[in-house]
């Protein structure tokens, strides 16, 4: 799945979820090191486990963040 983000530096996420497990996750643009870290922490875990952890996180004054956008993408898949 390709998810086009809104309101964050990362423009899109590429996700592969199989049987509820995050198999692959890549971000385009954004804070490279942080997003690589988020991807590594999320891979191999259940999407249902990641959603509540990432939902509602804000980036500075923005109403959302890359982790929050990841939760939104995962909600569409599960």
PDB file of N, CA and C in Angstrom:
ATOM      1  N   UNK A   1       0.838  -1.170   0.000  1.00  0.00           N
ATOM      2  CA  UNK A   1       0.000   0.000   0.000  1.00  0.00           C
ATOM      3  C   UNK A   1       0.888   1.239   0.000  1.00  0.00           C
ATOM      4  N   UNK A   2       0.501   2.217  -0.767  1.00  0.00           N
ATOM      5  CA  UNK A   2       1.155   3.520  -0.726  1.00  0.00           C
ATOM      6  C   UNK A   2       0.174   4.484  -0.078  1.00  0.00           C
ATOM      7  N   UNK A   3       0.610   5.117   1.004  1.00  0.00           N
ATOM      8  CA  UNK A   3      -0.227   6.053   1.752  1.00  0.00           C
ATOM      9  C   UNK A   3       0.361   7.440   1.612  1.00  0.00           C
ATOM     10  N   UNK A   4      -0.407   8.362   1.067  1.00  0.00           N
ATOM     11  CA  UNK A   4       0.005   9.755   0.923  1.00  0.00           C
ATOM     12  C   UNK A   4      -0.322  10.490   2.216  1.00  0.00           C
ATOM     13  N   UNK A   5       0.696  10.991   2.860  1.00  0.00           N
ATOM     14  CA  UNK A   5       0.530  11.645   4.153  1.00  0.00           C
ATOM     15  C   UNK A   5      -0.035  13.055   3.992  1.00  0.00           C
ATOM     16  N   UNK A   6      -0.493  13.608   5.105  1.00  0.00           N
ATOM     17  CA  UNK A   6      -1.019  14.967   5.125  1.00  0.00           C
ATOM     18  C   UNK A   6      -0.473  15.700   6.343  1.00  0.00           C
ATOM     19  N   UNK A   7       0.052  16.901   6.119  1.00  0.00           N
ATOM     20  CA  UNK A   7       0.468  17.755   7.225  1.00  0.00           C
ATOM     21  C   UNK A   7       1.812  17.451   7.837  1.00  0.00           C
ATOM     22  N   UNK A   8       2.626  16.613   7.176  1.00  0.00           N
ATOM     23  CA  UNK A   8       3.950  16.261   7.702  1.00  0.00           C
ATOM     24  C   UNK A   8       4.997  16.360   6.590  1.00  0.00           C
ATOM     25  N   UNK A   9       6.256  16.320   6.973  1.00  0.00           N
ATOM     26  CA  UNK A   9       7.349  16.418   5.999  1.00  0.00           C
ATOM     27  C   UNK A   9       7.425  15.189   5.092  1.00  0.00           C
ATOM     28  N   UNK A  10       7.193  14.031   5.654  1.00  0.00           N
ATOM     29  CA  UNK A  10       7.179  12.791   4.878  1.00  0.00           C
ATOM     30  C   UNK A  10       6.015  12.870   3.896  1.00  0.00           C
ATOM     31  N   UNK A  11       6.290  12.613   2.621  1.00  0.00           N
ATOM     32  CA  UNK A  11       5.248  12.738   1.606  1.00  0.00           C
ATOM     33  C   UNK A  11       4.409  11.480   1.425  1.00  0.00           C
ATOM     34  N   UNK A  12       5.037  10.329   1.625  1.00  0.00           N
ATOM     35  CA  UNK A  12       4.291   9.086   1.497  1.00  0.00           C
ATOM     36  C   UNK A  12       4.975   7.968   2.255  1.00  0.00           C
ATOM     37  N   UNK A  13       4.183   6.938   2.534  1.00  0.00           N
ATOM     38  CA  UNK A  13       4.677   5.727   3.193  1.00  0.00           C
ATOM     39  C   UNK A  13       4.330   4.545   2.306  1.00  0.00           C
ATOM     40  N   UNK A  14       5.242   3.607   2.261  1.00  0.00           N
ATOM     41  CA  UNK A  14       4.983   2.343   1.560  1.00  0.00           C
ATOM     42  C   UNK A  14       4.930   1.264   2.625  1.00  0.00           C
ATOM     43  N   UNK A  15       3.786   0.597   2.717  1.00  0.00           N
ATOM     44  CA  UNK A  15       3.585  -0.403   3.752  1.00  0.00           C
ATOM     45  C   UNK A  15       3.240  -1.749   3.151  1.00  0.00           C
ATOM     46  N   UNK A  16       3.736  -2.775   3.780  1.00  0.00           N
ATOM     47  CA  UNK A  16       3.327  -4.142   3.448  1.00  0.00           C
ATOM     48  C   UNK A  16       2.894  -4.793   4.753  1.00  0.00           C
ATOM     49  N   UNK A  17       1.624  -5.157   4.812  1.00  0.00           N
ATOM     50  CA  UNK A  17       1.069  -5.796   5.991  1.00  0.00           C
ATOM     51  C   UNK A  17       0.469  -7.124   5.548  1.00  0.00           C
ATOM     52  N   UNK A  18       0.866  -8.192   6.219  1.00  0.00           N
ATOM     53  CA  UNK A  18       0.381  -9.534   5.891  1.00  0.00           C
ATOM     54  C   UNK A  18      -0.138 -10.192   7.158  1.00  0.00           C
ATOM     55  N   UNK A  19      -1.384 -10.619   7.118  1.00  0.00           N
ATOM     56  CA  UNK A  19      -2.023 -11.238   8.285  1.00  0.00           C
ATOM     57  C   UNK A  19      -1.901 -10.360   9.527  1.00  0.00           C
ATOM     58  N   UNK A  20      -2.026  -9.042   9.326  1.00  0.00           N
ATOM     59  CA  UNK A  20      -1.985  -8.112  10.443  1.00  0.00           C
ATOM     60  C   UNK A  20      -0.599  -7.748  10.936  1.00  0.00           C
ATOM     61  N   UNK A  21       0.441  -8.340  10.334  1.00  0.00           N
ATOM     62  CA  UNK A  21       1.830  -8.084  10.738  1.00  0.00           C
ATOM     63  C   UNK A  21       2.486  -7.145   9.728  1.00  0.00           C
ATOM     64  N   UNK A  22       3.188  -6.143  10.229  1.00  0.00           N
ATOM     65  CA  UNK A  22       3.905  -5.203   9.366  1.00  0.00           C
ATOM     66  C   UNK A  22       5.166  -5.894   8.856  1.00  0.00           C
ATOM     67  N   UNK A  23       5.202  -6.150   7.565  1.00  0.00           N
ATOM     68  CA  UNK A  23       6.337  -6.840   6.955  1.00  0.00           C
ATOM     69  C   UNK A  23       7.392  -5.868   6.443  1.00  0.00           C
ATOM     70  N   UNK A  24       6.938  -4.724   5.907  1.00  0.00           N
ATOM     71  CA  UNK A  24       7.873  -3.745   5.375  1.00  0.00           C
ATOM     72  C   UNK A  24       7.264  -2.361   5.527  1.00  0.00           C
ATOM     73  N   UNK A  25       8.124  -1.364   5.740  1.00  0.00           N
ATOM     74  CA  UNK A  25       7.682   0.009   5.921  1.00  0.00           C
ATOM     75  C   UNK A  25       8.797   0.936   5.475  1.00  0.00           C
ATOM     76  N   UNK A  26       8.473   1.816   4.533  1.00  0.00           N
ATOM     77  CA  UNK A  26       9.440   2.798   4.035  1.00  0.00           C
ATOM     78  C   UNK A  26       8.769   4.154   3.964  1.00  0.00           C
ATOM     79  N   UNK A  27       9.530   5.203   4.250  1.00  0.00           N
ATOM     80  CA  UNK A  27       9.041   6.578   4.216  1.00  0.00           C
ATOM     81  C   UNK A  27       9.771   7.342   3.124  1.00  0.00           C
ATOM     82  N   UNK A  28       9.076   8.264   2.462  1.00  0.00           N
ATOM     83  CA  UNK A  28       9.694   9.153   1.477  1.00  0.00           C
ATOM     84  C   UNK A  28       9.791  10.540   2.093  1.00  0.00           C
ATOM     85  N   UNK A  29      11.022  11.056   2.188  1.00  0.00           N
ATOM     86  CA  UNK A  29      11.319  12.358   2.780  1.00  0.00           C
ATOM     87  C   UNK A  29      11.091  12.326   4.291  1.00  0.00           C
ATOM     88  N   UNK A  30      11.188  13.459   4.920  1.00  0.00           N
ATOM     89  CA  UNK A  30      11.034  13.529   6.368  1.00  0.00           C
ATOM     90  C   UNK A  30      12.365  13.367   7.082  1.00  0.00           C
ATOM     91  N   UNK A  31      12.313  13.177   8.374  1.00  0.00           N
ATOM     92  CA  UNK A  31      13.508  13.033   9.224  1.00  0.00           C
ATOM     93  C   UNK A  31      14.066  11.619   9.067  1.00  0.00           C
ATOM     94  N   UNK A  32      15.053  11.478   8.218  1.00  0.00           N
ATOM     95  CA  UNK A  32      15.557  10.173   7.783  1.00  0.00           C
ATOM     96  C   UNK A  32      15.858   9.212   8.937  1.00  0.00           C
ATOM     97  N   UNK A  33      16.661   9.623   9.875  1.00  0.00           N
ATOM     98  CA  UNK A  33      17.049   8.725  10.971  1.00  0.00           C
ATOM     99  C   UNK A  33      15.869   8.320  11.834  1.00  0.00           C
ATOM    100  N   UNK A  34      15.040   9.285  12.179  1.00  0.00           N
ATOM    101  CA  UNK A  34      13.866   8.982  13.005  1.00  0.00           C
ATOM    102  C   UNK A  34      12.914   8.024  12.297  1.00  0.00           C
ATOM    103  N   UNK A  35      12.691   8.260  11.017  1.00  0.00           N
ATOM    104  CA  UNK A  35      11.757   7.412  10.278  1.00  0.00           C
ATOM    105  C   UNK A  35      12.313   6.008  10.053  1.00  0.00           C
ATOM    106  N   UNK A  36      13.616   5.897   9.877  1.00  0.00           N
ATOM    107  CA  UNK A  36      14.229   4.562   9.787  1.00  0.00           C
ATOM    108  C   UNK A  36      14.064   3.826  11.109  1.00  0.00           C
ATOM    109  N   UNK A  37      14.201   4.551  12.208  1.00  0.00           N
ATOM    110  CA  UNK A  37      14.022   3.950  13.528  1.00  0.00           C
ATOM    111  C   UNK A  37      12.597   3.480  13.744  1.00  0.00           C
ATOM    112  N   UNK A  38      11.629   4.313  13.371  1.00  0.00           N
ATOM    113  CA  UNK A  38      10.221   3.930  13.498  1.00  0.00           C
ATOM    114  C   UNK A  38       9.945   2.683  12.666  1.00  0.00           C
ATOM    115  N   UNK A  39      10.468   2.652  11.450  1.00  0.00           N
ATOM    116  CA  UNK A  39      10.253   1.493  10.566  1.00  0.00           C
ATOM    117  C   UNK A  39      10.813   0.225  11.199  1.00  0.00           C
ATOM    118  N   UNK A  40      12.005   0.298  11.746  1.00  0.00           N
ATOM    119  CA  UNK A  40      12.617  -0.889  12.353  1.00  0.00           C
ATOM    120  C   UNK A  40      11.839  -1.355  13.577  1.00  0.00           C
ATOM    121  N   UNK A  41      11.343  -0.412  14.367  1.00  0.00           N
ATOM    122  CA  UNK A  41      10.556  -0.781  15.546  1.00  0.00           C
ATOM    123  C   UNK A  41       9.206  -1.386  15.167  1.00  0.00           C
ATOM    124  N   UNK A  42       8.635  -0.947  14.046  1.00  0.00           N
ATOM    125  CA  UNK A  42       7.312  -1.417  13.636  1.00  0.00           C
ATOM    126  C   UNK A  42       7.349  -2.765  12.915  1.00  0.00           C
ATOM    127  N   UNK A  43       8.402  -3.020  12.159  1.00  0.00           N
ATOM    128  CA  UNK A  43       8.484  -4.257  11.377  1.00  0.00           C
ATOM    129  C   UNK A  43       8.426  -5.477  12.292  1.00  0.00           C
ATOM    130  N   UNK A  44       7.595  -6.432  11.880  1.00  0.00           N
ATOM    131  CA  UNK A  44       7.464  -7.672  12.630  1.00  0.00           C
ATOM    132  C   UNK A  44       6.437  -7.603  13.748  1.00  0.00           C
ATOM    133  N   UNK A  45       5.863  -6.426  13.975  1.00  0.00           N
ATOM    134  CA  UNK A  45       4.856  -6.276  15.022  1.00  0.00           C
ATOM    135  C   UNK A  45       3.469  -6.201  14.400  1.00  0.00           C
ATOM    136  N   UNK A  46       2.469  -6.477  15.207  1.00  0.00           N
ATOM    137  CA  UNK A  46       1.094  -6.402  14.737  1.00  0.00           C
ATOM    138  C   UNK A  46       0.708  -4.947  14.530  1.00  0.00           C
ATOM    139  N   UNK A  47      -0.003  -4.691  13.441  1.00  0.00           N
ATOM    140  CA  UNK A  47      -0.496  -3.344  13.169  1.00  0.00           C
ATOM    141  C   UNK A  47      -1.376  -2.879  14.321  1.00  0.00           C
ATOM    142  N   UNK A  48      -2.178  -3.775  14.867  1.00  0.00           N
ATOM    143  CA  UNK A  48      -3.077  -3.427  15.972  1.00  0.00           C
ATOM    144  C   UNK A  48      -2.309  -3.020  17.228  1.00  0.00           C
ATOM    145  N   UNK A  49      -1.065  -3.421  17.338  1.00  0.00           N
ATOM    146  CA  UNK A  49      -0.194  -3.055  18.454  1.00  0.00           C
ATOM    147  C   UNK A  49       0.417  -1.663  18.233  1.00  0.00           C
ATOM    148  N   UNK A  50       0.736  -1.353  16.983  1.00  0.00           N
ATOM    149  CA  UNK A  50       1.390  -0.095  16.637  1.00  0.00           C
ATOM    150  C   UNK A  50       0.405   1.072  16.635  1.00  0.00           C
ATOM    151  N   UNK A  51      -0.819   0.849  16.198  1.00  0.00           N
ATOM    152  CA  UNK A  51      -1.799   1.931  16.064  1.00  0.00           C
ATOM    153  C   UNK A  51      -1.974   2.734  17.359  1.00  0.00           C
ATOM    154  N   UNK A  52      -2.260   2.097  18.494  1.00  0.00           N
ATOM    155  CA  UNK A  52      -2.451   2.909  19.706  1.00  0.00           C
ATOM    156  C   UNK A  52      -1.165   3.574  20.204  1.00  0.00           C
ATOM    157  N   UNK A  53      -0.019   2.997  19.887  1.00  0.00           N
ATOM    158  CA  UNK A  53       1.251   3.590  20.303  1.00  0.00           C
ATOM    159  C   UNK A  53       1.552   4.879  19.545  1.00  0.00           C
ATOM    160  N   UNK A  54       1.168   4.935  18.273  1.00  0.00           N
ATOM    161  CA  UNK A  54       1.516   6.053  17.403  1.00  0.00           C
ATOM    162  C   UNK A  54       0.408   7.095  17.259  1.00  0.00           C
ATOM    163  N   UNK A  55      -0.823   6.722  17.531  1.00  0.00           N
ATOM    164  CA  UNK A  55      -1.960   7.631  17.366  1.00  0.00           C
ATOM    165  C   UNK A  55      -1.852   8.829  18.295  1.00  0.00           C
ATOM    166  N   UNK A  56      -2.137  10.001  17.724  1.00  0.00           N
ATOM    167  CA  UNK A  56      -2.205  11.205  18.525  1.00  0.00           C
ATOM    168  C   UNK A  56      -0.887  11.913  18.779  1.00  0.00           C
ATOM    169  N   UNK A  57       0.224  11.342  18.332  1.00  0.00           N
ATOM    170  CA  UNK A  57       1.516  12.002  18.509  1.00  0.00           C
ATOM    171  C   UNK A  57       1.557  13.218  17.588  1.00  0.00           C
ATOM    172  N   UNK A  58       2.019  14.337  18.134  1.00  0.00           N
ATOM    173  CA  UNK A  58       2.099  15.569  17.359  1.00  0.00           C
ATOM    174  C   UNK A  58       3.557  15.929  17.117  1.00  0.00           C
ATOM    175  N   UNK A  59       3.797  16.658  16.037  1.00  0.00           N
ATOM    176  CA  UNK A  59       5.129  17.146  15.704  1.00  0.00           C
ATOM    177  C   UNK A  59       5.119  18.661  15.884  1.00  0.00           C
ATOM    178  N   UNK A  60       5.685  19.124  16.990  1.00  0.00           N
ATOM    179  CA  UNK A  60       5.680  20.556  17.280  1.00  0.00           C
ATOM    180  C   UNK A  60       4.255  21.084  17.295  1.00  0.00           C
ATOM    181  N   UNK A  61       4.008  22.199  16.603  1.00  0.00           N
ATOM    182  CA  UNK A  61       2.661  22.781  16.599  1.00  0.00           C
ATOM    183  C   UNK A  61       1.698  22.103  15.614  1.00  0.00           C
ATOM    184  N   UNK A  62       2.192  21.150  14.847  1.00  0.00           N
ATOM    185  CA  UNK A  62       1.337  20.474  13.860  1.00  0.00           C
ATOM    186  C   UNK A  62       0.302  19.599  14.574  1.00  0.00           C
ATOM    187  N   UNK A  63      -0.829  19.412  13.951  1.00  0.00           N
ATOM    188  CA  UNK A  63      -1.894  18.584  14.519  1.00  0.00           C
ATOM    189  C   UNK A  63      -1.627  17.095  14.363  1.00  0.00           C
ATOM    190  N   UNK A  64      -0.575  16.736  13.648  1.00  0.00           N
ATOM    191  CA  UNK A  64      -0.251  15.340  13.370  1.00  0.00           C
ATOM    192  C   UNK A  64       1.270  15.179  13.349  1.00  0.00           C
ATOM    193  N   UNK A  65       1.722  13.982  13.033  1.00  0.00           N
ATOM    194  CA  UNK A  65       3.150  13.680  12.928  1.00  0.00           C
ATOM    195  C   UNK A  65       3.300  12.465  12.026  1.00  0.00           C
ATOM    196  N   UNK A  66       4.517  12.121  11.710  1.00  0.00           N
ATOM    197  CA  UNK A  66       4.737  10.906  10.904  1.00  0.00           C
ATOM    198  C   UNK A  66       4.239   9.662  11.641  1.00  0.00           C
ATOM    199  N   UNK A  67       4.510   9.506  12.949  1.00  0.00           N
ATOM    200  CA  UNK A  67       3.946   8.348  13.646  1.00  0.00           C
ATOM    201  C   UNK A  67       2.411   8.335  13.616  1.00  0.00           C
ATOM    202  N   UNK A  68       1.790   9.495  13.791  1.00  0.00           N
ATOM    203  CA  UNK A  68       0.330   9.589  13.755  1.00  0.00           C
ATOM    204  C   UNK A  68      -0.192   9.233  12.364  1.00  0.00           C
ATOM    205  N   UNK A  69       0.514   9.660  11.324  1.00  0.00           N
ATOM    206  CA  UNK A  69       0.131   9.321   9.955  1.00  0.00           C
ATOM    207  C   UNK A  69       0.303   7.817   9.697  1.00  0.00           C
ATOM    208  N   UNK A  70       1.313   7.214  10.309  1.00  0.00           N
ATOM    209  CA  UNK A  70       1.492   5.758  10.205  1.00  0.00           C
ATOM    210  C   UNK A  70       0.285   5.054  10.811  1.00  0.00           C
ATOM    211  N   UNK A  71      -0.167   5.510  11.969  1.00  0.00           N
ATOM    212  CA  UNK A  71      -1.353   4.917  12.587  1.00  0.00           C
ATOM    213  C   UNK A  71      -2.562   5.041  11.674  1.00  0.00           C
ATOM    214  N   UNK A  72      -2.713   6.198  11.027  1.00  0.00           N
ATOM    215  CA  UNK A  72      -3.836   6.400  10.098  1.00  0.00           C
ATOM    216  C   UNK A  72      -3.752   5.429   8.922  1.00  0.00           C
ATOM    217  N   UNK A  73      -2.556   5.225   8.399  1.00  0.00           N
ATOM    218  CA  UNK A  73      -2.370   4.288   7.283  1.00  0.00           C
ATOM    219  C   UNK A  73      -2.706   2.871   7.722  1.00  0.00           C
ATOM    220  N   UNK A  74      -2.249   2.482   8.898  1.00  0.00           N
ATOM    221  CA  UNK A  74      -2.495   1.128   9.386  1.00  0.00           C
ATOM    222  C   UNK A  74      -3.977   0.891   9.662  1.00  0.00           C
ATOM    223  N   UNK A  75      -4.687   1.916  10.132  1.00  0.00           N
ATOM    224  CA  UNK A  75      -6.124   1.774  10.357  1.00  0.00           C
ATOM    225  C   UNK A  75      -6.845   1.438   9.055  1.00  0.00           C
ATOM    226  N   UNK A  76      -6.342   1.933   7.947  1.00  0.00           N
ATOM    227  CA  UNK A  76      -6.965   1.617   6.637  1.00  0.00           C
ATOM    228  C   UNK A  76      -6.722   0.165   6.234  1.00  0.00           C
ATOM    229  N   UNK A  77      -5.684  -0.440   6.770  1.00  0.00           N
ATOM    230  CA  UNK A  77      -5.318  -1.801   6.377  1.00  0.00           C
ATOM    231  C   UNK A  77      -5.904  -2.880   7.287  1.00  0.00           C
ATOM    232  N   UNK A  78      -6.283  -2.521   8.495  1.00  0.00           N
ATOM    233  CA  UNK A  78      -6.779  -3.541   9.428  1.00  0.00           C
ATOM    234  C   UNK A  78      -8.242  -3.345   9.759  1.00  0.00           C
TER     235      UNK A  78
END
